[in-house]
N, C-alpha and C. Protein backbone atom coordinates (compact mmCIF):
# COMPACT_ATOMS: atom_id res chain seq x y z
N MET A 1 0.81 -1.17 -0.09
CA MET A 1 -0.03 -0.03 0.00
C MET A 1 0.87 1.20 -0.01
N LYS A 2 0.65 2.04 -0.89
CA LYS A 2 1.41 3.25 -0.99
C LYS A 2 0.55 4.44 -0.51
N ILE A 3 1.23 5.30 0.37
CA ILE A 3 0.70 6.37 0.91
C ILE A 3 0.95 7.59 0.01
N ARG A 4 -0.12 8.19 -0.32
CA ARG A 4 0.02 9.31 -1.21
C ARG A 4 0.16 10.62 -0.41
N ARG A 5 1.09 11.37 -0.77
CA ARG A 5 1.31 12.67 -0.10
C ARG A 5 0.47 13.78 -0.78
N GLN A 6 -0.08 14.54 0.06
CA GLN A 6 -0.74 15.74 -0.53
C GLN A 6 0.10 16.89 -0.62
N HIS A 7 0.26 17.45 -1.82
CA HIS A 7 1.00 18.64 -1.93
C HIS A 7 0.26 19.86 -1.86
N ARG A 8 0.82 20.80 -1.09
CA ARG A 8 0.22 22.09 -0.86
C ARG A 8 0.91 23.27 -1.56
N SER A 9 0.14 24.17 -1.87
CA SER A 9 0.74 25.17 -2.72
C SER A 9 1.36 26.11 -1.70
N PRO A 10 2.34 26.89 -1.99
CA PRO A 10 3.12 27.84 -1.22
C PRO A 10 2.17 28.93 -0.41
N VAL A 11 1.04 29.15 -1.22
CA VAL A 11 0.09 30.14 -0.61
C VAL A 11 -0.52 29.46 0.66
N VAL A 12 -1.05 28.29 0.45
CA VAL A 12 -1.74 27.44 1.52
C VAL A 12 -0.78 27.38 2.68
N ILE A 13 0.58 27.12 2.52
CA ILE A 13 1.45 26.98 3.52
C ILE A 13 1.69 28.26 4.28
N ALA A 14 1.70 29.29 3.50
CA ALA A 14 1.97 30.73 4.10
C ALA A 14 0.70 30.98 4.99
N ARG A 15 -0.45 30.86 4.48
CA ARG A 15 -1.75 31.05 5.31
C ARG A 15 -1.74 30.20 6.61
N ALA A 16 -1.32 29.01 6.47
CA ALA A 16 -1.25 28.26 7.72
C ALA A 16 -0.22 28.70 8.72
N THR A 17 0.92 29.16 8.23
CA THR A 17 1.97 29.75 9.00
C THR A 17 1.51 30.88 9.77
N VAL A 18 0.91 31.81 8.97
CA VAL A 18 0.36 33.13 9.60
C VAL A 18 -0.65 32.91 10.52
N THR A 19 -1.55 31.97 10.27
CA THR A 19 -2.55 31.64 11.31
C THR A 19 -1.97 31.11 12.55
N ARG A 20 -1.02 30.18 12.50
CA ARG A 20 -0.36 29.63 13.68
C ARG A 20 0.32 30.71 14.48
N VAL A 21 1.00 31.75 13.81
CA VAL A 21 1.74 32.79 14.45
C VAL A 21 0.71 33.72 15.13
N LEU A 22 -0.31 34.03 14.39
CA LEU A 22 -1.38 34.86 14.96
C LEU A 22 -2.06 34.21 16.26
N SER A 23 -2.27 32.99 16.21
CA SER A 23 -2.76 32.27 17.29
C SER A 23 -1.95 32.22 18.48
N VAL A 24 -0.52 32.12 18.29
CA VAL A 24 0.44 32.17 19.42
C VAL A 24 0.42 33.65 19.94
N LEU A 25 0.48 34.65 19.05
CA LEU A 25 0.34 36.03 19.53
C LEU A 25 -0.81 36.41 20.35
N VAL A 26 -1.93 35.86 19.96
CA VAL A 26 -3.17 36.11 20.66
C VAL A 26 -3.10 35.52 22.06
N LEU A 27 -2.71 34.24 22.05
CA LEU A 27 -2.60 33.51 23.36
C LEU A 27 -1.55 34.28 24.18
N ALA A 28 -0.41 34.77 23.68
CA ALA A 28 0.66 35.44 24.45
C ALA A 28 0.06 36.80 25.08
N VAL A 29 -0.77 37.53 24.24
CA VAL A 29 -1.25 38.74 24.74
C VAL A 29 -2.36 38.53 25.80
N GLY A 30 -3.15 37.49 25.55
CA GLY A 30 -4.09 37.17 26.57
C GLY A 30 -3.53 36.72 27.93
N LEU A 31 -2.52 36.01 27.89
CA LEU A 31 -1.84 35.45 29.17
C LEU A 31 -1.15 36.82 29.74
N GLY A 32 -0.55 37.58 28.96
CA GLY A 32 0.14 38.74 29.50
C GLY A 32 -0.86 39.77 30.11
N THR A 33 -2.06 39.78 29.63
CA THR A 33 -3.10 40.63 30.27
C THR A 33 -3.56 40.05 31.56
N VAL A 34 -3.76 38.72 31.54
CA VAL A 34 -4.09 38.18 32.80
C VAL A 34 -3.20 38.33 33.86
N VAL A 35 -1.88 38.13 33.51
CA VAL A 35 -0.79 38.32 34.48
C VAL A 35 -0.66 39.65 34.98
N ALA A 36 -0.76 40.62 34.07
CA ALA A 36 -0.78 42.18 34.44
C ALA A 36 -1.82 42.47 35.38
N ALA A 37 -3.04 41.97 35.02
CA ALA A 37 -4.18 42.21 35.81
C ALA A 37 -4.12 41.71 37.31
N GLN A 38 -3.49 40.45 37.39
CA GLN A 38 -3.30 39.92 38.65
C GLN A 38 -2.12 40.63 39.45
N ALA A 39 -1.17 41.14 38.78
CA ALA A 39 -0.17 41.86 39.41
C ALA A 39 -0.60 43.18 39.82
N SER A 40 -1.40 43.89 39.02
CA SER A 40 -1.93 45.19 39.33
C SER A 40 -2.89 45.13 40.50
N THR A 41 -3.66 44.11 40.60
CA THR A 41 -4.59 43.88 41.69
C THR A 41 -3.88 43.63 42.94
N ALA A 42 -2.82 42.80 43.01
CA ALA A 42 -1.98 42.56 44.17
C ALA A 42 -1.29 43.91 44.54
N ALA A 43 -0.76 44.64 43.55
CA ALA A 43 -0.03 45.86 43.90
C ALA A 43 -0.96 46.93 44.46
N SER A 44 -2.09 47.09 43.85
CA SER A 44 -3.11 48.02 44.39
C SER A 44 -3.71 47.70 45.61
N ALA A 45 -3.69 46.45 46.05
CA ALA A 45 -4.26 46.08 47.28
C ALA A 45 -3.29 46.29 48.48
N ALA A 46 -2.12 46.78 48.16
CA ALA A 46 -1.24 47.04 49.34
C ALA A 46 -0.55 48.36 49.19
N ARG A 47 -1.22 49.39 48.57
CA ARG A 47 -0.64 50.58 48.33
C ARG A 47 -1.02 51.68 49.35
N CYS A 48 -1.96 51.52 50.16
CA CYS A 48 -2.30 52.47 51.25
C CYS A 48 -1.45 52.43 52.45
N ASN A 49 -1.11 53.53 52.99
CA ASN A 49 -0.22 53.60 54.17
C ASN A 49 -0.82 53.29 55.39
N THR A 50 -2.13 53.29 55.56
CA THR A 50 -2.93 53.12 56.76
C THR A 50 -4.08 51.96 56.65
N ALA A 51 -4.47 51.45 57.70
CA ALA A 51 -5.63 50.57 57.56
C ALA A 51 -6.74 51.54 57.38
N ALA A 52 -7.78 51.02 56.52
CA ALA A 52 -8.89 51.76 56.25
C ALA A 52 -9.79 52.25 57.34
N HIS A 53 -10.17 53.48 57.36
CA HIS A 53 -10.95 54.06 58.55
C HIS A 53 -11.71 55.30 58.06
N VAL A 54 -12.74 55.77 58.62
CA VAL A 54 -13.54 56.93 58.37
C VAL A 54 -13.81 57.56 59.73
N TYR A 55 -13.91 58.85 59.65
CA TYR A 55 -14.22 59.66 60.84
C TYR A 55 -15.07 60.86 60.66
N ILE A 56 -15.57 61.33 61.75
CA ILE A 56 -16.51 62.55 61.72
C ILE A 56 -15.70 63.56 62.56
N ASN A 57 -15.56 64.77 62.18
CA ASN A 57 -14.88 65.90 62.83
C ASN A 57 -13.59 65.48 63.38
N GLY A 58 -12.83 64.71 62.65
CA GLY A 58 -11.46 64.24 63.10
C GLY A 58 -11.45 63.24 64.24
N ALA A 59 -12.58 62.90 64.78
CA ALA A 59 -12.73 62.04 65.95
C ALA A 59 -13.72 60.92 65.42
N TYR A 60 -14.27 60.21 66.47
CA TYR A 60 -15.34 59.25 66.12
C TYR A 60 -14.78 58.28 64.95
N ILE A 61 -13.60 57.79 65.14
CA ILE A 61 -12.99 57.12 64.13
C ILE A 61 -13.44 55.61 64.16
N LYS A 62 -13.76 54.97 62.93
CA LYS A 62 -14.04 53.58 62.96
C LYS A 62 -13.19 52.95 61.85
N TYR A 63 -12.44 51.90 62.32
CA TYR A 63 -11.54 51.20 61.36
C TYR A 63 -12.29 50.02 60.74
N GLU A 64 -11.72 49.56 59.61
CA GLU A 64 -12.34 48.49 58.95
C GLU A 64 -12.32 47.14 59.62
N THR A 65 -11.53 47.07 60.76
CA THR A 65 -11.42 45.87 61.58
C THR A 65 -12.48 45.95 62.78
N ASP A 66 -13.07 47.06 62.99
CA ASP A 66 -14.18 47.25 64.12
C ASP A 66 -15.31 46.57 63.65
N PRO A 67 -16.00 45.98 64.68
CA PRO A 67 -17.29 45.36 64.22
C PRO A 67 -18.40 46.26 63.61
N ILE A 68 -19.12 45.55 62.65
CA ILE A 68 -20.15 46.39 61.94
C ILE A 68 -21.08 47.02 62.89
N ASP A 69 -21.51 46.32 63.92
CA ASP A 69 -22.48 46.92 64.87
C ASP A 69 -21.88 46.99 66.31
N GLY A 70 -20.44 47.35 66.29
CA GLY A 70 -19.77 47.62 67.49
C GLY A 70 -20.34 48.76 68.31
N PRO A 71 -19.61 49.23 69.42
CA PRO A 71 -20.08 50.30 70.23
C PRO A 71 -19.93 51.67 69.46
N ILE A 72 -20.72 52.51 69.74
CA ILE A 72 -20.74 53.88 69.08
C ILE A 72 -20.93 54.95 70.13
N ALA A 73 -20.42 56.14 69.74
CA ALA A 73 -20.53 57.27 70.73
C ALA A 73 -21.79 58.10 70.24
N ASP A 74 -22.25 59.05 71.07
CA ASP A 74 -23.14 59.93 70.80
C ASP A 74 -22.52 61.26 70.35
N PHE A 75 -23.27 61.79 69.32
CA PHE A 75 -22.82 63.05 68.75
C PHE A 75 -23.94 63.90 68.66
N THR A 76 -23.92 65.02 69.34
CA THR A 76 -25.11 65.89 69.17
C THR A 76 -24.90 67.06 68.30
N VAL A 77 -25.77 67.41 67.47
CA VAL A 77 -25.55 68.52 66.52
C VAL A 77 -26.99 69.14 66.39
N ARG A 78 -26.90 70.62 66.17
CA ARG A 78 -28.19 71.31 65.87
C ARG A 78 -28.27 71.43 64.38
N ASN A 79 -29.55 71.58 63.89
CA ASN A 79 -29.75 71.82 62.58
C ASN A 79 -28.99 73.17 62.26
N GLY A 80 -28.40 73.17 60.99
CA GLY A 80 -27.70 74.39 60.51
C GLY A 80 -26.21 74.36 61.07
N GLN A 81 -25.76 73.40 61.92
CA GLN A 81 -24.33 73.30 62.35
C GLN A 81 -23.59 72.42 61.38
N ARG A 82 -22.32 72.72 61.17
CA ARG A 82 -21.55 71.87 60.15
C ARG A 82 -20.71 70.77 60.92
N TYR A 83 -20.50 69.88 60.17
CA TYR A 83 -19.71 68.67 60.62
C TYR A 83 -18.90 68.16 59.38
N ASN A 84 -17.75 67.49 59.68
CA ASN A 84 -16.91 66.99 58.52
C ASN A 84 -16.76 65.57 58.55
N VAL A 85 -16.67 65.00 57.33
CA VAL A 85 -16.52 63.48 57.35
C VAL A 85 -15.27 63.31 56.48
N GLY A 86 -14.54 62.33 56.71
CA GLY A 86 -13.42 61.91 55.86
C GLY A 86 -13.01 60.41 56.14
N GLY A 87 -11.83 60.16 55.45
CA GLY A 87 -11.28 58.86 55.73
C GLY A 87 -9.93 58.73 55.18
N ASN A 88 -9.36 57.45 55.42
CA ASN A 88 -8.04 57.22 54.94
C ASN A 88 -7.73 55.67 54.72
N GLY A 89 -6.88 55.30 53.95
CA GLY A 89 -6.64 53.78 53.85
C GLY A 89 -7.69 53.20 52.80
N ILE A 90 -8.61 54.10 52.22
CA ILE A 90 -9.68 53.59 51.38
C ILE A 90 -9.20 53.27 49.97
N THR A 91 -9.77 52.39 49.28
CA THR A 91 -9.48 52.04 47.88
C THR A 91 -9.48 53.29 47.05
N PRO A 92 -8.40 53.56 46.28
CA PRO A 92 -8.46 54.77 45.38
C PRO A 92 -9.60 54.84 44.33
N ASP A 93 -10.02 55.99 44.13
CA ASP A 93 -11.04 56.34 43.23
C ASP A 93 -12.48 55.78 43.70
N GLU A 94 -12.67 55.83 45.05
CA GLU A 94 -14.04 55.26 45.55
C GLU A 94 -14.48 56.44 46.39
N ASP A 95 -15.87 56.49 46.54
CA ASP A 95 -16.71 57.59 47.32
C ASP A 95 -17.10 56.91 48.55
N PRO A 96 -16.37 57.12 49.65
CA PRO A 96 -17.12 56.58 50.92
C PRO A 96 -18.40 57.33 51.19
N PHE A 97 -19.39 56.80 51.81
CA PHE A 97 -20.57 57.33 52.13
C PHE A 97 -21.16 56.95 53.34
N TRP A 98 -22.10 57.78 53.88
CA TRP A 98 -22.72 57.41 55.23
C TRP A 98 -24.22 57.62 54.91
N ALA A 99 -24.92 56.68 55.57
CA ALA A 99 -26.45 56.61 55.57
C ALA A 99 -26.87 56.82 57.02
N PHE A 100 -28.02 57.53 57.15
CA PHE A 100 -28.55 57.93 58.34
C PHE A 100 -29.89 57.07 58.55
N TYR A 101 -30.06 56.37 59.64
CA TYR A 101 -31.29 55.59 59.91
C TYR A 101 -31.84 55.96 61.21
N ARG A 102 -33.15 56.30 61.17
CA ARG A 102 -33.86 56.62 62.42
C ARG A 102 -33.87 55.60 63.41
N VAL A 103 -33.59 55.80 64.64
CA VAL A 103 -33.42 54.91 65.68
C VAL A 103 -34.91 54.39 66.01
N SER A 104 -35.94 55.29 65.94
CA SER A 104 -37.27 55.05 66.36
C SER A 104 -37.84 53.90 65.51
N ASP A 105 -37.52 53.92 64.13
CA ASP A 105 -38.15 52.91 63.40
C ASP A 105 -37.18 52.09 62.40
N GLY A 106 -35.92 52.50 62.45
CA GLY A 106 -34.95 51.91 61.49
C GLY A 106 -35.03 52.37 60.04
N SER A 107 -35.81 53.22 59.61
CA SER A 107 -36.03 53.72 58.31
C SER A 107 -34.89 54.59 57.89
N HIS A 108 -34.50 54.58 56.65
CA HIS A 108 -33.38 55.29 55.95
C HIS A 108 -33.90 56.71 55.91
N ALA A 109 -33.13 57.73 56.44
CA ALA A 109 -33.53 59.09 56.38
C ALA A 109 -32.76 59.99 55.42
N SER A 110 -31.55 59.66 55.21
CA SER A 110 -30.61 60.50 54.35
C SER A 110 -29.31 59.81 54.06
N THR A 111 -28.63 60.13 53.11
CA THR A 111 -27.28 59.71 52.73
C THR A 111 -26.33 60.89 52.34
N ILE A 112 -25.07 60.89 52.86
CA ILE A 112 -24.25 61.92 52.39
C ILE A 112 -23.03 61.06 51.74
N ILE A 113 -22.30 61.75 50.70
CA ILE A 113 -21.20 61.18 50.04
C ILE A 113 -20.03 61.91 50.37
N GLY A 114 -19.04 61.30 50.89
CA GLY A 114 -17.64 62.00 51.08
C GLY A 114 -16.88 62.25 49.74
N ASN A 115 -15.72 62.89 49.81
CA ASN A 115 -14.89 63.11 48.79
C ASN A 115 -14.27 61.84 48.14
N ARG A 116 -14.16 61.80 46.91
CA ARG A 116 -13.60 60.64 46.22
C ARG A 116 -12.13 60.48 46.70
N THR A 117 -11.65 59.40 46.96
CA THR A 117 -10.19 59.05 47.28
C THR A 117 -9.40 59.11 46.06
N GLY A 118 -8.12 59.76 46.39
CA GLY A 118 -7.09 59.84 45.25
C GLY A 118 -6.35 58.72 45.22
N GLY A 119 -5.23 58.72 44.65
CA GLY A 119 -4.30 57.55 44.52
C GLY A 119 -3.48 57.34 45.96
N ASN A 120 -3.71 58.32 46.81
CA ASN A 120 -2.93 58.30 48.17
C ASN A 120 -4.04 57.64 49.22
N CYS A 121 -5.16 57.08 48.74
CA CYS A 121 -6.03 56.35 49.62
C CYS A 121 -6.84 57.29 50.60
N VAL A 122 -6.81 58.59 50.50
CA VAL A 122 -7.30 59.53 51.26
C VAL A 122 -8.62 60.16 50.75
N SER A 123 -9.71 60.14 51.55
CA SER A 123 -10.89 60.83 51.25
C SER A 123 -10.78 62.08 52.00
N ASN A 124 -10.43 63.23 51.37
CA ASN A 124 -10.33 64.46 52.13
C ASN A 124 -11.65 64.94 52.94
N GLN A 125 -11.49 65.68 53.93
CA GLN A 125 -12.61 66.06 54.73
C GLN A 125 -13.63 66.73 53.67
N LYS A 126 -14.84 66.56 54.13
CA LYS A 126 -15.94 67.21 53.40
C LYS A 126 -16.92 67.72 54.40
N THR A 127 -17.40 69.02 54.23
CA THR A 127 -18.17 69.54 55.22
C THR A 127 -19.81 69.51 54.77
N PHE A 128 -20.44 69.24 55.80
CA PHE A 128 -21.95 68.94 55.62
C PHE A 128 -22.61 69.85 56.69
N ILE A 129 -23.79 70.39 56.27
CA ILE A 129 -24.57 71.14 57.29
C ILE A 129 -25.73 70.20 57.77
N SER A 130 -25.88 70.14 59.00
CA SER A 130 -27.06 69.31 59.47
C SER A 130 -28.36 69.76 59.09
N SER A 131 -29.17 68.95 58.45
CA SER A 131 -30.63 69.30 58.05
C SER A 131 -31.63 68.22 58.25
N LEU A 132 -31.20 67.22 59.02
CA LEU A 132 -32.13 66.16 59.43
C LEU A 132 -33.31 66.66 60.27
N THR A 133 -34.36 66.05 60.26
CA THR A 133 -35.51 66.22 61.16
C THR A 133 -34.94 66.00 62.63
N PRO A 134 -35.23 66.86 63.58
CA PRO A 134 -34.72 66.63 64.93
C PRO A 134 -35.16 65.20 65.36
N GLY A 135 -34.17 64.50 65.97
CA GLY A 135 -34.41 63.05 66.38
C GLY A 135 -33.12 62.46 66.62
N THR A 136 -33.12 61.10 66.80
CA THR A 136 -31.84 60.28 66.91
C THR A 136 -31.66 59.44 65.69
N TYR A 137 -30.47 59.38 65.25
CA TYR A 137 -30.12 58.65 64.05
C TYR A 137 -28.92 57.69 64.35
N ILE A 138 -28.74 56.59 63.59
CA ILE A 138 -27.53 55.79 63.57
C ILE A 138 -26.85 56.18 62.15
N MET A 139 -25.76 56.59 62.22
CA MET A 139 -24.87 56.97 61.11
C MET A 139 -24.04 55.70 60.68
N ARG A 140 -24.28 55.19 59.56
CA ARG A 140 -23.55 54.02 59.15
C ARG A 140 -22.53 54.33 58.01
N ALA A 141 -21.40 53.78 57.89
CA ALA A 141 -20.41 54.06 56.88
C ALA A 141 -20.25 52.92 55.90
N TYR A 142 -20.02 53.40 54.73
CA TYR A 142 -19.82 52.33 53.62
C TYR A 142 -18.51 52.75 52.90
N TYR A 143 -17.56 51.82 52.85
CA TYR A 143 -16.31 52.10 52.08
C TYR A 143 -15.52 50.75 51.89
N TYR A 144 -14.45 50.88 51.28
CA TYR A 144 -13.66 49.73 50.74
C TYR A 144 -12.22 49.72 51.23
N GLY A 145 -11.72 48.66 52.02
CA GLY A 145 -10.28 48.75 52.45
C GLY A 145 -9.26 48.70 51.40
N GLY A 146 -8.42 49.71 51.35
CA GLY A 146 -7.45 49.93 50.24
C GLY A 146 -6.37 48.80 50.42
N ASN A 147 -6.02 48.31 51.51
CA ASN A 147 -5.02 47.27 51.64
C ASN A 147 -5.58 45.82 51.48
N SER A 148 -6.87 45.71 52.31
CA SER A 148 -7.46 44.33 52.47
C SER A 148 -8.39 44.09 51.34
N GLY A 149 -8.83 45.16 50.62
CA GLY A 149 -9.89 44.98 49.72
C GLY A 149 -11.25 44.54 50.42
N ALA A 150 -11.41 44.59 51.64
CA ALA A 150 -12.67 44.39 52.42
C ALA A 150 -13.72 45.45 52.02
N THR A 151 -14.97 44.90 51.92
CA THR A 151 -16.09 45.77 51.79
C THR A 151 -16.71 46.14 53.18
N ILE A 152 -16.77 47.39 53.47
CA ILE A 152 -17.36 47.71 54.87
C ILE A 152 -18.67 48.24 54.45
N SER A 153 -19.82 47.64 54.93
CA SER A 153 -21.03 47.92 54.34
C SER A 153 -21.91 48.16 55.63
N GLY A 154 -22.25 49.38 56.04
CA GLY A 154 -23.23 49.70 57.10
C GLY A 154 -22.63 49.65 58.39
N GLN A 155 -21.26 50.04 58.55
CA GLN A 155 -20.65 50.00 59.76
C GLN A 155 -21.21 51.17 60.66
N ALA A 156 -21.79 50.81 61.80
CA ALA A 156 -22.35 51.95 62.74
C ALA A 156 -21.20 52.70 63.21
N GLN A 157 -21.22 54.02 62.92
CA GLN A 157 -20.18 54.98 63.26
C GLN A 157 -20.59 55.75 64.51
N LEU A 158 -21.76 56.25 64.56
CA LEU A 158 -22.10 57.01 65.86
C LEU A 158 -23.62 57.16 65.83
N ARG A 159 -24.10 57.54 66.98
CA ARG A 159 -25.38 57.80 67.15
C ARG A 159 -25.62 59.54 67.14
N MET A 160 -26.22 59.89 65.91
CA MET A 160 -26.27 61.47 65.93
C MET A 160 -27.70 61.94 66.45
N ILE A 161 -27.59 62.65 67.44
CA ILE A 161 -28.68 63.34 67.99
C ILE A 161 -28.92 64.70 67.46
N VAL A 162 -29.91 64.88 66.62
CA VAL A 162 -30.09 66.14 65.89
C VAL A 162 -31.26 67.03 66.69
N LEU A 163 -30.78 68.24 67.06
CA LEU A 163 -31.57 69.08 67.87
C LEU A 163 -32.16 70.15 66.78
N PRO A 164 -33.16 70.95 67.23
CA PRO A 164 -33.63 72.01 66.35
C PRO A 164 -32.51 73.07 66.14
N ALA A 165 -32.66 73.75 65.14
CA ALA A 165 -31.73 74.99 64.72
C ALA A 165 -31.75 75.96 65.86
N LEU A 166 -30.63 76.58 66.13
CA LEU A 166 -30.62 77.65 67.02
C LEU A 166 -31.38 78.91 66.51
N ASN A 167 -31.92 79.70 67.47
CA ASN A 167 -32.50 80.95 67.11
C ASN A 167 -31.36 81.91 66.47
N ALA A 168 -31.91 83.08 65.84
CA ALA A 168 -30.96 84.00 65.22
C ALA A 168 -30.00 84.60 66.14
N THR A 169 -30.29 84.89 67.37
CA THR A 169 -29.35 85.59 68.39
C THR A 169 -28.21 84.62 68.61
N ALA A 170 -28.66 83.23 68.84
CA ALA A 170 -27.58 82.37 69.18
C ALA A 170 -26.72 82.07 67.95
N ARG A 171 -27.20 82.16 66.72
CA ARG A 171 -26.38 81.94 65.59
C ARG A 171 -25.38 83.14 65.38
N GLN A 172 -25.85 84.28 65.75
CA GLN A 172 -24.97 85.48 65.53
C GLN A 172 -23.82 85.43 66.64
N SER A 173 -24.02 84.74 67.79
CA SER A 173 -23.02 84.77 68.77
C SER A 173 -21.95 83.67 68.41
N GLY A 174 -22.07 82.96 67.31
CA GLY A 174 -21.19 81.88 66.96
C GLY A 174 -21.34 80.65 67.56
N VAL A 175 -22.36 80.35 68.26
CA VAL A 175 -22.61 79.09 68.91
C VAL A 175 -22.83 78.08 67.82
N GLY A 176 -23.17 78.35 66.61
CA GLY A 176 -23.60 77.44 65.54
C GLY A 176 -22.51 76.46 65.03
N GLU A 177 -21.29 76.68 65.48
CA GLU A 177 -20.14 75.82 64.80
C GLU A 177 -19.81 74.76 65.82
N LEU A 178 -19.45 73.67 65.29
CA LEU A 178 -18.99 72.48 66.17
C LEU A 178 -17.49 72.37 66.12
N ASP A 179 -16.88 72.17 67.31
CA ASP A 179 -15.41 71.93 67.39
C ASP A 179 -15.24 70.49 67.14
N SER A 180 -14.01 70.29 66.71
CA SER A 180 -13.51 68.87 66.37
C SER A 180 -13.86 67.93 67.52
N GLY A 181 -14.85 67.10 67.23
CA GLY A 181 -15.09 66.00 68.29
C GLY A 181 -15.94 66.45 69.40
N ALA A 182 -16.42 67.65 69.48
CA ALA A 182 -17.20 68.11 70.64
C ALA A 182 -18.58 68.73 70.09
N SER A 183 -19.48 68.58 70.97
CA SER A 183 -20.68 69.18 70.59
C SER A 183 -21.17 70.19 71.73
N ARG A 184 -22.01 71.08 71.36
CA ARG A 184 -22.29 72.12 72.36
C ARG A 184 -23.85 71.99 72.65
């Protein structure tokens, strides 16, 4: 029995060679992309200088390792008074935010969004003016740990006691501003 060889033209051979080369290139680019994505994820996961945390007025700090429903402090504010929120160690290009829930019935009352984090993992302080209906609220934080990649969802940060706004005389005397970490 004689085996017959099939002869291929140079054009067919060239096409087959180009197809093989392109297949190898596509595979190499795909593998390179996967390796680069894994390397950038690992590198970005450890680029923050501190453990993730958020704060109110430079105090009332909650770290990503604190329990979601751990102990909280009371913070009293009058409507019209300012307070600041911020954070550090948070995943770059993220917006930490805080939601307020009424203690009386657990319903959502409001949400504030902090400043977007930069490449340095810092959410710079952002000022808000209290405008909630007088009452007591649990302020819960939502953010991502820049080193751990942990999702912090609904971490109880403080119990905010909102009082009615001051009258015009009290506002003119300067009582309407809150000191860092203190309430009047």
